[in-house]
Amino acid sequence: MSAYEYDLVIVGGGIVGATLASALKNSGLKIAIIEAQPFDLAASRRQAYALSILSGRILTGIGVWEKIAPFIGKFSNIRLSDAHHPSIVPFATDELGTDYLGYVGEHHIILKALQDFIQHCDNISWICPAEVNQVTYKDKSAVISLSVDGLKQQLKTKLVIGADGAKSKIRQWANITTRGWKYWQSCIAFTIKHQAPQNNTAFERFWPSGPMGILPLPDNRCQIVWTNPHAKAKALQEMDRQGFLDKLNEYTRGVLGEIELVSDRYLFPVQLMQSDRYVKSRLALVGDAAHCCHPVGGQGLNLGIRDAAALAQVLTEAHQQGKDIGTLEVLQKYETWRKTENLAILGFTDLLDRLFSNNWLPVVVVRRLGLWMMRNIPPLKRFSLQLMTGLLGKTPQLAQ
């Protein structure tokens, strides 16, 4: 314990934690990742995520995108609509001059590629499966007590990274408070196979009960995230398969042709959360440990990937300048960069959900006017598209 065993220890080996470690591959920092689950189990989650253009560029800058891109969905069009109203707001690649407007990646594809990449990074070690029991912060170090195969161990590090999700123990042990609320809604996430002739469009249809996102996956599949009030969402999850497909056809209005359910229906409640601070001396939070948002617009994972890229940049620059990476002086640069940008997205997703999950006539008039303006005023349309694709705000060097 007389010397630092690691420069930083990342608690949580999910996509955001693994992205941060990968982004630090050439930093000169010695890194450990502590993950509670074995490799294969951690990567086995049956879930898919929207990936923004910026996230794709960050993963390209890291050097892992070429292992991910062949196995994920890509969309060149986005179509926004409001319930049964006939007006649609279309977005296309020529409005940004990009090849695609976004991607859809399955959890196991993304995390497995990051795990394999890290295996070839000499400065990064995995400690898994392992459970963190306590973190003790001191002036110039932090000591992590953990259990590995039933044996107690301790690690000494300059910096602890909390990447352990929305219920982060690292955040709670550090007495970092959060603000936010639980929504009146839950989401049902599932995968279908369809017979539509094309599979290059992402749909976001707003219903009074909540938004429905339809995201294309390879092999004529789509990931659907369908938001409803808790009781209705639970009833849809428990409905018999054919009844559920009939209801889904009613809500998708047949745009996908004949459909088949090819996964279980997963139910999760929705919340908005922002930590009062992202950093303390010897500690930084990233991803869901720092913030959570409504899934409308598919922003959640993308915020975490941007956190990882920003923090990696701040830490690398500080280390190259000979600074102590665990000091508040260094870490507050990351917090200043990301906290305000994340808050803007959290507010945007909250406004969308409240504005569209509503049948009050004045609100309906306002939102349909907003959609008309987005469709017919090019600068507003471009701004909205840049916001959705991650191209507003400060761009990490990895993505440039």
Protein backbone atom coordinates (compact mmCIF):
# COMPACT_ATOMS: atom_id res chain seq x y z
CA MET A 1 0.00 0.00 0.00
CA SER A 2 3.03 2.29 -0.09
CA ALA A 3 2.54 3.14 -3.78
CA TYR A 4 -0.44 3.61 -6.05
CA GLU A 5 -1.47 0.32 -7.61
CA TYR A 6 -3.59 2.09 -10.22
CA ASP A 7 -3.97 5.63 -11.48
CA LEU A 8 -7.71 5.13 -11.74
CA VAL A 9 -10.18 2.39 -10.98
CA ILE A 10 -13.47 2.23 -12.88
CA VAL A 11 -16.27 0.61 -10.89
CA GLY A 12 -18.66 -0.82 -13.48
CA GLY A 13 -17.63 -2.61 -16.64
CA GLY A 14 -20.70 -1.86 -18.75
CA ILE A 15 -20.62 0.02 -22.03
CA VAL A 16 -19.84 3.44 -20.50
CA GLY A 17 -17.14 2.16 -18.13
CA ALA A 18 -15.54 0.09 -20.89
CA THR A 19 -15.71 3.06 -23.29
CA LEU A 20 -13.87 5.24 -20.77
CA ALA A 21 -11.15 2.65 -20.26
CA SER A 22 -10.78 2.15 -24.01
CA ALA A 23 -10.56 5.90 -24.58
CA LEU A 24 -7.61 5.98 -22.16
CA LYS A 25 -5.62 3.30 -23.97
CA ASN A 26 -2.82 5.69 -24.98
CA SER A 27 -3.00 7.94 -21.93
CA GLY A 28 -0.10 6.42 -20.02
CA LEU A 29 -2.42 5.79 -17.06
CA LYS A 30 -2.64 2.43 -15.30
CA ILE A 31 -6.32 1.43 -15.10
CA ALA A 32 -8.43 -1.27 -13.47
CA ILE A 33 -12.07 -2.07 -14.21
CA ILE A 34 -14.06 -3.74 -11.45
CA GLU A 35 -17.17 -5.54 -12.71
CA ALA A 36 -19.60 -7.55 -10.58
CA GLN A 37 -20.54 -10.01 -13.34
CA PRO A 38 -18.41 -12.41 -15.40
CA PHE A 39 -17.56 -11.23 -18.95
CA ASP A 40 -20.12 -13.35 -20.77
CA LEU A 41 -22.96 -12.59 -18.36
CA ALA A 42 -22.28 -8.85 -18.45
CA ALA A 43 -22.49 -8.91 -22.25
CA SER A 44 -25.56 -11.14 -22.45
CA ARG A 45 -28.22 -8.50 -21.75
CA ARG A 46 -30.93 -8.57 -24.42
CA GLN A 47 -31.21 -4.88 -25.11
CA ALA A 48 -30.53 -2.49 -27.98
CA TYR A 49 -29.69 1.19 -27.97
CA ALA A 50 -29.86 4.13 -30.32
CA LEU A 51 -26.33 5.34 -31.08
CA SER A 52 -25.90 8.90 -32.29
CA ILE A 53 -23.58 10.08 -35.05
CA LEU A 54 -21.32 11.54 -32.36
CA SER A 55 -21.19 8.23 -30.46
CA GLY A 56 -20.16 6.51 -33.69
CA ARG A 57 -17.38 9.07 -34.17
CA ILE A 58 -16.18 8.63 -30.59
CA LEU A 59 -16.03 4.85 -30.98
CA THR A 60 -14.23 5.35 -34.30
CA GLY A 61 -11.67 7.57 -32.58
CA ILE A 62 -11.11 4.91 -29.94
CA GLY A 63 -10.54 2.29 -32.65
CA VAL A 64 -13.41 -0.09 -31.89
CA TRP A 65 -16.10 1.04 -34.35
CA GLU A 66 -14.93 -1.23 -37.17
CA LYS A 67 -15.75 -4.22 -34.94
CA ILE A 68 -19.22 -2.87 -34.17
CA ALA A 69 -20.46 -1.25 -37.39
CA PRO A 70 -20.97 -4.42 -39.50
CA PHE A 71 -23.39 -5.88 -36.94
CA ILE A 72 -25.67 -2.96 -36.11
CA GLY A 73 -28.66 -1.24 -37.67
CA LYS A 74 -28.21 2.03 -39.55
CA PHE A 75 -30.90 4.53 -40.43
CA SER A 76 -30.87 7.25 -43.08
CA ASN A 77 -34.31 8.65 -42.27
CA ILE A 78 -36.23 9.71 -39.17
CA ARG A 79 -39.99 10.24 -39.14
CA LEU A 80 -41.67 12.10 -36.27
CA SER A 81 -45.44 12.07 -35.93
CA ASP A 82 -48.15 12.81 -33.40
CA ALA A 83 -50.67 10.02 -32.80
CA HIS A 84 -53.26 9.87 -35.61
CA HIS A 85 -52.45 13.30 -37.02
CA PRO A 86 -51.52 12.87 -40.71
CA SER A 87 -48.62 15.35 -40.70
CA ILE A 88 -45.14 13.81 -40.49
CA VAL A 89 -41.80 15.54 -39.90
CA PRO A 90 -39.23 13.73 -42.07
CA PHE A 91 -35.46 13.99 -41.61
CA ALA A 92 -32.92 12.74 -44.15
CA THR A 93 -29.13 12.51 -44.44
CA ASP A 94 -28.84 15.35 -46.97
CA GLU A 95 -29.86 17.78 -44.23
CA LEU A 96 -26.62 17.03 -42.37
CA GLY A 97 -24.41 15.80 -45.20
CA THR A 98 -23.76 12.50 -43.39
CA ASP A 99 -24.02 8.88 -44.52
CA TYR A 100 -26.53 8.05 -41.77
CA LEU A 101 -28.59 9.83 -39.14
CA GLY A 102 -27.85 7.25 -36.46
CA TYR A 103 -27.35 3.62 -35.56
CA VAL A 104 -28.95 0.92 -33.43
CA GLY A 105 -26.63 -1.45 -31.59
CA GLU A 106 -27.41 -4.47 -29.45
CA HIS A 107 -25.84 -4.57 -26.01
CA HIS A 108 -23.85 -7.75 -26.56
CA ILE A 109 -22.37 -6.50 -29.85
CA ILE A 110 -21.14 -3.20 -28.38
CA LEU A 111 -19.87 -4.48 -25.03
CA LYS A 112 -18.18 -7.59 -26.49
CA ALA A 113 -16.27 -5.40 -28.97
CA LEU A 114 -15.11 -3.15 -26.11
CA GLN A 115 -14.16 -6.14 -23.95
CA ASP A 116 -12.08 -7.63 -26.77
CA PHE A 117 -10.43 -4.27 -27.44
CA ILE A 118 -9.44 -3.86 -23.79
CA GLN A 119 -7.88 -7.32 -23.71
CA HIS A 120 -5.16 -5.92 -25.99
CA CYS A 121 -4.52 -2.80 -23.88
CA ASP A 122 -1.50 -3.39 -21.65
CA ASN A 123 -2.39 -0.54 -19.29
CA ILE A 124 -5.89 -1.86 -18.45
CA SER A 125 -6.75 -4.76 -16.13
CA TRP A 126 -10.12 -6.42 -15.55
CA ILE A 127 -11.06 -7.51 -12.04
CA CYS A 128 -14.24 -9.56 -12.41
CA PRO A 129 -16.39 -10.91 -11.05
CA ALA A 130 -15.74 -8.78 -8.00
CA GLU A 131 -17.81 -6.82 -5.51
CA VAL A 132 -16.81 -3.44 -4.10
CA ASN A 133 -17.56 -3.30 -0.37
CA GLN A 134 -16.23 0.11 0.62
CA VAL A 135 -14.32 3.12 -0.66
CA THR A 136 -12.21 5.25 1.66
CA TYR A 137 -11.14 8.65 0.34
CA LYS A 138 -7.95 10.32 1.56
CA ASP A 139 -6.16 13.52 0.58
CA LYS A 140 -3.96 11.97 -2.07
CA SER A 141 -5.56 8.57 -2.71
CA ALA A 142 -8.61 6.37 -2.42
CA VAL A 143 -8.63 2.83 -1.06
CA ILE A 144 -11.16 0.37 -2.49
CA SER A 145 -12.07 -2.68 -0.44
CA LEU A 146 -13.47 -5.51 -2.53
CA SER A 147 -14.21 -9.21 -2.60
CA VAL A 148 -12.83 -11.41 -5.38
CA ASP A 149 -13.79 -15.09 -5.30
CA GLY A 150 -14.67 -14.70 -1.62
CA LEU A 151 -11.29 -13.20 -0.75
CA LYS A 152 -10.94 -9.66 0.62
CA GLN A 153 -8.61 -7.32 -1.23
CA GLN A 154 -7.71 -3.65 -1.29
CA LEU A 155 -6.66 -1.41 -4.15
CA LYS A 156 -5.04 2.00 -3.86
CA THR A 157 -5.73 4.51 -6.60
CA LYS A 158 -5.52 8.20 -7.38
CA LEU A 159 -9.07 8.32 -8.76
CA VAL A 160 -12.29 6.29 -8.51
CA ILE A 161 -14.80 6.38 -11.38
CA GLY A 162 -18.42 5.51 -10.60
CA ALA A 163 -19.82 3.83 -13.72
CA ASP A 164 -22.11 1.53 -11.80
CA GLY A 165 -25.52 2.64 -13.03
CA ALA A 166 -28.52 4.61 -11.79
CA LYS A 167 -28.46 2.99 -8.32
CA SER A 168 -24.74 3.68 -8.00
CA LYS A 169 -23.28 2.62 -4.67
CA ILE A 170 -20.22 4.72 -5.44
CA ARG A 171 -22.43 7.83 -5.66
CA GLN A 172 -24.39 6.94 -2.54
CA TRP A 173 -21.31 6.17 -0.44
CA ALA A 174 -19.89 9.56 -1.42
CA ASN A 175 -23.10 11.24 -0.16
CA ILE A 176 -23.74 12.88 -3.54
CA THR A 177 -27.40 13.86 -3.68
CA THR A 178 -29.58 13.77 -6.77
CA ARG A 179 -32.56 15.69 -8.07
CA GLY A 180 -35.33 14.43 -10.31
CA TRP A 181 -38.46 12.34 -10.30
CA LYS A 182 -39.97 9.07 -11.36
CA TYR A 183 -42.41 9.35 -14.25
CA TRP A 184 -45.93 7.97 -14.26
CA GLN A 185 -44.83 5.73 -17.12
CA SER A 186 -42.96 2.51 -17.79
CA CYS A 187 -41.42 1.31 -21.04
CA ILE A 188 -41.83 -2.04 -22.74
CA ALA A 189 -38.75 -2.92 -24.80
CA PHE A 190 -38.82 -5.79 -27.30
CA THR A 191 -37.66 -6.87 -30.75
CA ILE A 192 -39.81 -7.73 -33.75
CA LYS A 193 -39.15 -9.08 -37.22
CA HIS A 194 -41.08 -7.46 -40.06
CA GLN A 195 -41.75 -7.70 -43.79
CA ALA A 196 -41.39 -4.04 -44.78
CA PRO A 197 -39.35 -3.67 -48.01
CA GLN A 198 -36.91 -1.21 -46.41
CA ASN A 199 -35.34 -1.12 -42.96
CA ASN A 200 -33.50 2.20 -42.88
CA THR A 201 -35.96 4.46 -41.04
CA ALA A 202 -36.30 5.29 -37.34
CA PHE A 203 -39.81 6.21 -36.22
CA GLU A 204 -40.81 8.26 -33.19
CA ARG A 205 -44.58 8.40 -32.83
CA PHE A 206 -46.03 10.35 -29.91
CA TRP A 207 -49.19 9.03 -28.30
CA PRO A 208 -51.10 10.60 -25.38
CA SER A 209 -50.10 7.55 -23.32
CA GLY A 210 -46.40 8.04 -24.16
CA PRO A 211 -43.93 7.96 -27.07
CA MET A 212 -43.13 4.90 -29.17
CA GLY A 213 -39.68 4.56 -30.74
CA ILE A 214 -39.05 2.07 -33.55
CA LEU A 215 -35.38 1.51 -34.37
CA PRO A 216 -34.06 -0.67 -37.23
CA LEU A 217 -31.79 -3.64 -36.53
CA PRO A 218 -30.11 -6.01 -39.03
CA ASP A 219 -32.05 -8.89 -40.62
CA ASN A 220 -35.31 -6.93 -40.95
CA ARG A 221 -35.68 -6.59 -37.20
CA CYS A 222 -36.64 -3.56 -35.12
CA GLN A 223 -36.15 -2.66 -31.49
CA ILE A 224 -39.29 -1.02 -30.12
CA VAL A 225 -39.51 1.02 -26.92
CA TRP A 226 -43.16 1.65 -26.11
CA THR A 227 -44.01 4.01 -23.23
CA ASN A 228 -47.29 3.79 -21.34
CA PRO A 229 -48.67 4.50 -17.86
CA HIS A 230 -47.45 1.82 -15.44
CA ALA A 231 -50.64 -0.26 -15.30
CA LYS A 232 -51.15 -0.24 -19.07
CA ALA A 233 -47.51 -1.12 -19.70
CA LYS A 234 -47.76 -4.06 -17.30
CA ALA A 235 -50.96 -5.24 -18.99
CA LEU A 236 -49.29 -5.08 -22.41
CA GLN A 237 -46.35 -7.09 -21.12
CA GLU A 238 -48.65 -9.80 -19.81
CA MET A 239 -51.00 -9.86 -22.82
CA ASP A 240 -51.03 -13.02 -24.95
CA ARG A 241 -48.70 -12.86 -27.93
CA GLN A 242 -51.31 -12.48 -30.67
CA GLY A 243 -53.30 -9.91 -28.73
CA PHE A 244 -50.12 -7.94 -28.17
CA LEU A 245 -49.21 -8.03 -31.87
CA ASP A 246 -52.71 -6.91 -32.80
CA LYS A 247 -52.42 -3.96 -30.44
CA LEU A 248 -48.94 -3.16 -31.79
CA ASN A 249 -50.26 -3.20 -35.37
CA GLU A 250 -52.94 -0.77 -34.32
CA TYR A 251 -50.34 1.65 -32.92
CA THR A 252 -47.80 1.29 -35.75
CA ARG A 253 -50.58 1.67 -38.33
CA GLY A 254 -49.16 -1.16 -40.44
CA VAL A 255 -46.00 0.66 -41.58
CA LEU A 256 -43.91 -2.47 -40.97
CA GLY A 257 -46.14 -4.95 -42.78
CA GLU A 258 -46.51 -8.38 -41.21
CA ILE A 259 -44.69 -8.53 -37.87
CA GLU A 260 -43.44 -11.26 -35.58
CA LEU A 261 -42.33 -10.96 -31.94
CA VAL A 262 -38.81 -12.40 -31.62
CA SER A 263 -37.87 -11.48 -28.04
CA ASP A 264 -39.32 -11.29 -24.58
CA ARG A 265 -41.04 -8.08 -23.51
CA TYR A 266 -38.93 -6.27 -20.92
CA LEU A 267 -40.53 -3.73 -18.61
CA PHE A 268 -38.71 -0.89 -16.87
CA PRO A 269 -39.91 2.26 -15.09
CA VAL A 270 -38.73 5.65 -16.33
CA GLN A 271 -37.05 8.35 -14.28
CA LEU A 272 -35.24 11.64 -14.66
CA MET A 273 -32.21 12.14 -12.42
CA GLN A 274 -29.34 14.60 -12.26
CA SER A 275 -26.62 14.38 -9.62
CA ASP A 276 -25.95 17.61 -7.76
CA ARG A 277 -22.30 17.13 -8.57
CA TYR A 278 -20.41 14.79 -10.86
CA VAL A 279 -17.08 15.01 -9.03
CA LYS A 280 -15.50 15.18 -5.62
CA SER A 281 -11.84 14.91 -4.70
CA ARG A 282 -10.68 11.47 -5.95
CA LEU A 283 -14.08 10.67 -7.50
CA ALA A 284 -15.93 11.20 -10.80
CA LEU A 285 -19.31 9.86 -11.97
CA VAL A 286 -20.17 8.93 -15.55
CA GLY A 287 -23.25 7.68 -17.38
CA ASP A 288 -26.32 6.60 -15.43
CA ALA A 289 -24.43 6.97 -12.15
CA ALA A 290 -24.48 10.73 -12.82
CA HIS A 291 -27.77 11.20 -14.71
CA CYS A 292 -30.79 9.43 -16.22
CA CYS A 293 -33.36 10.68 -18.71
CA HIS A 294 -36.58 9.62 -20.39
CA PRO A 295 -35.83 7.24 -23.31
CA VAL A 296 -37.70 9.45 -25.80
CA GLY A 297 -35.21 10.35 -28.53
CA GLY A 298 -32.79 7.58 -27.51
CA GLN A 299 -30.35 9.89 -25.71
CA GLY A 300 -29.46 7.90 -22.58
CA LEU A 301 -26.45 5.78 -23.58
CA ASN A 302 -25.17 8.51 -25.87
CA LEU A 303 -24.85 10.91 -22.94
CA GLY A 304 -22.77 8.31 -21.11
CA ILE A 305 -20.48 7.76 -24.10
CA ARG A 306 -19.95 11.53 -24.35
CA ASP A 307 -19.17 11.62 -20.61
CA ALA A 308 -16.54 8.93 -21.13
CA ALA A 309 -14.92 10.73 -24.07
CA ALA A 310 -14.89 14.07 -22.23
CA LEU A 311 -13.45 12.63 -19.01
CA ALA A 312 -10.82 10.67 -20.95
CA GLN A 313 -9.72 13.89 -22.66
CA VAL A 314 -9.54 15.85 -19.39
CA LEU A 315 -7.57 13.10 -17.61
CA THR A 316 -5.17 12.55 -20.49
CA GLU A 317 -4.37 16.25 -20.77
CA ALA A 318 -3.89 16.56 -17.00
CA HIS A 319 -1.58 13.52 -16.88
CA GLN A 320 0.50 14.84 -19.78
CA GLN A 321 0.90 18.12 -17.88
CA GLY A 322 2.09 16.28 -14.79
CA LYS A 323 -1.02 17.08 -12.74
CA ASP A 324 -2.65 14.85 -10.13
CA ILE A 325 -5.71 13.48 -11.98
CA GLY A 326 -7.70 13.01 -8.76
CA THR A 327 -7.79 16.65 -7.70
CA LEU A 328 -10.87 18.84 -7.90
CA GLU A 329 -8.92 21.30 -10.03
CA VAL A 330 -8.71 18.67 -12.77
CA LEU A 331 -12.05 16.95 -12.29
CA GLN A 332 -14.14 20.13 -12.27
CA LYS A 333 -13.15 20.70 -15.91
CA TYR A 334 -15.04 17.50 -16.74
CA GLU A 335 -18.03 18.50 -14.59
CA THR A 336 -18.21 21.98 -16.13
CA TRP A 337 -18.11 20.48 -19.61
CA ARG A 338 -20.68 17.74 -19.20
CA LYS A 339 -23.13 18.73 -16.46
CA THR A 340 -24.70 21.64 -18.33
CA GLU A 341 -24.87 19.76 -21.65
CA ASN A 342 -26.51 16.78 -19.96
CA LEU A 343 -28.99 19.00 -18.15
CA ALA A 344 -30.06 20.50 -21.49
CA ILE A 345 -30.80 17.03 -22.89
CA LEU A 346 -32.59 15.95 -19.70
CA GLY A 347 -34.78 19.03 -19.93
CA PHE A 348 -35.42 18.47 -23.63
CA THR A 349 -36.54 14.85 -23.17
CA ASP A 350 -38.72 15.82 -20.20
CA LEU A 351 -40.39 18.58 -22.21
CA LEU A 352 -41.02 16.22 -25.13
CA ASP A 353 -42.64 13.61 -22.93
CA ARG A 354 -44.85 16.09 -21.07
CA LEU A 355 -45.80 18.00 -24.20
CA PHE A 356 -46.81 14.93 -26.20
CA SER A 357 -48.12 12.61 -23.45
CA ASN A 358 -51.08 14.92 -23.16
CA ASN A 359 -54.56 15.27 -24.63
CA TRP A 360 -55.36 18.76 -23.34
CA LEU A 361 -56.49 20.73 -26.39
CA PRO A 362 -54.28 23.84 -25.89
CA VAL A 363 -51.21 21.60 -25.54
CA VAL A 364 -52.22 19.59 -28.63
CA VAL A 365 -52.48 22.83 -30.63
CA VAL A 366 -49.08 24.05 -29.41
CA ARG A 367 -47.26 20.80 -30.17
CA ARG A 368 -48.76 20.44 -33.64
CA LEU A 369 -47.76 24.02 -34.35
CA GLY A 370 -44.27 23.07 -33.15
CA LEU A 371 -44.17 20.08 -35.53
CA TRP A 372 -45.37 22.29 -38.39
CA MET A 373 -42.59 24.79 -37.64
CA MET A 374 -40.01 22.02 -37.45
CA ARG A 375 -41.16 20.70 -40.80
CA ASN A 376 -41.29 24.07 -42.58
CA ILE A 377 -38.53 26.20 -41.03
CA PRO A 378 -35.17 24.78 -42.20
CA PRO A 379 -32.94 26.34 -39.47
CA LEU A 380 -35.22 24.96 -36.75
CA LYS A 381 -35.31 21.57 -38.43
CA ARG A 382 -31.53 21.46 -38.73
CA PHE A 383 -31.11 22.53 -35.09
CA SER A 384 -33.47 19.74 -33.97
CA LEU A 385 -31.57 17.20 -36.04
CA GLN A 386 -28.21 18.31 -34.68
CA LEU A 387 -29.56 18.00 -31.15
CA MET A 388 -30.85 14.46 -31.79
CA THR A 389 -27.61 13.32 -33.42
CA GLY A 390 -25.27 14.74 -30.77
CA LEU A 391 -23.73 17.35 -33.03
CA LEU A 392 -24.47 20.31 -30.75
CA GLY A 393 -22.18 21.19 -27.86
CA LYS A 394 -18.46 20.72 -27.38
CA THR A 395 -17.05 17.87 -29.45
CA PRO A 396 -14.46 15.59 -27.76
CA GLN A 397 -11.13 15.32 -29.58
CA LEU A 398 -11.74 11.59 -30.12
CA ALA A 399 -14.68 12.48 -32.40
CA GLN A 400 -12.93 15.14 -34.46
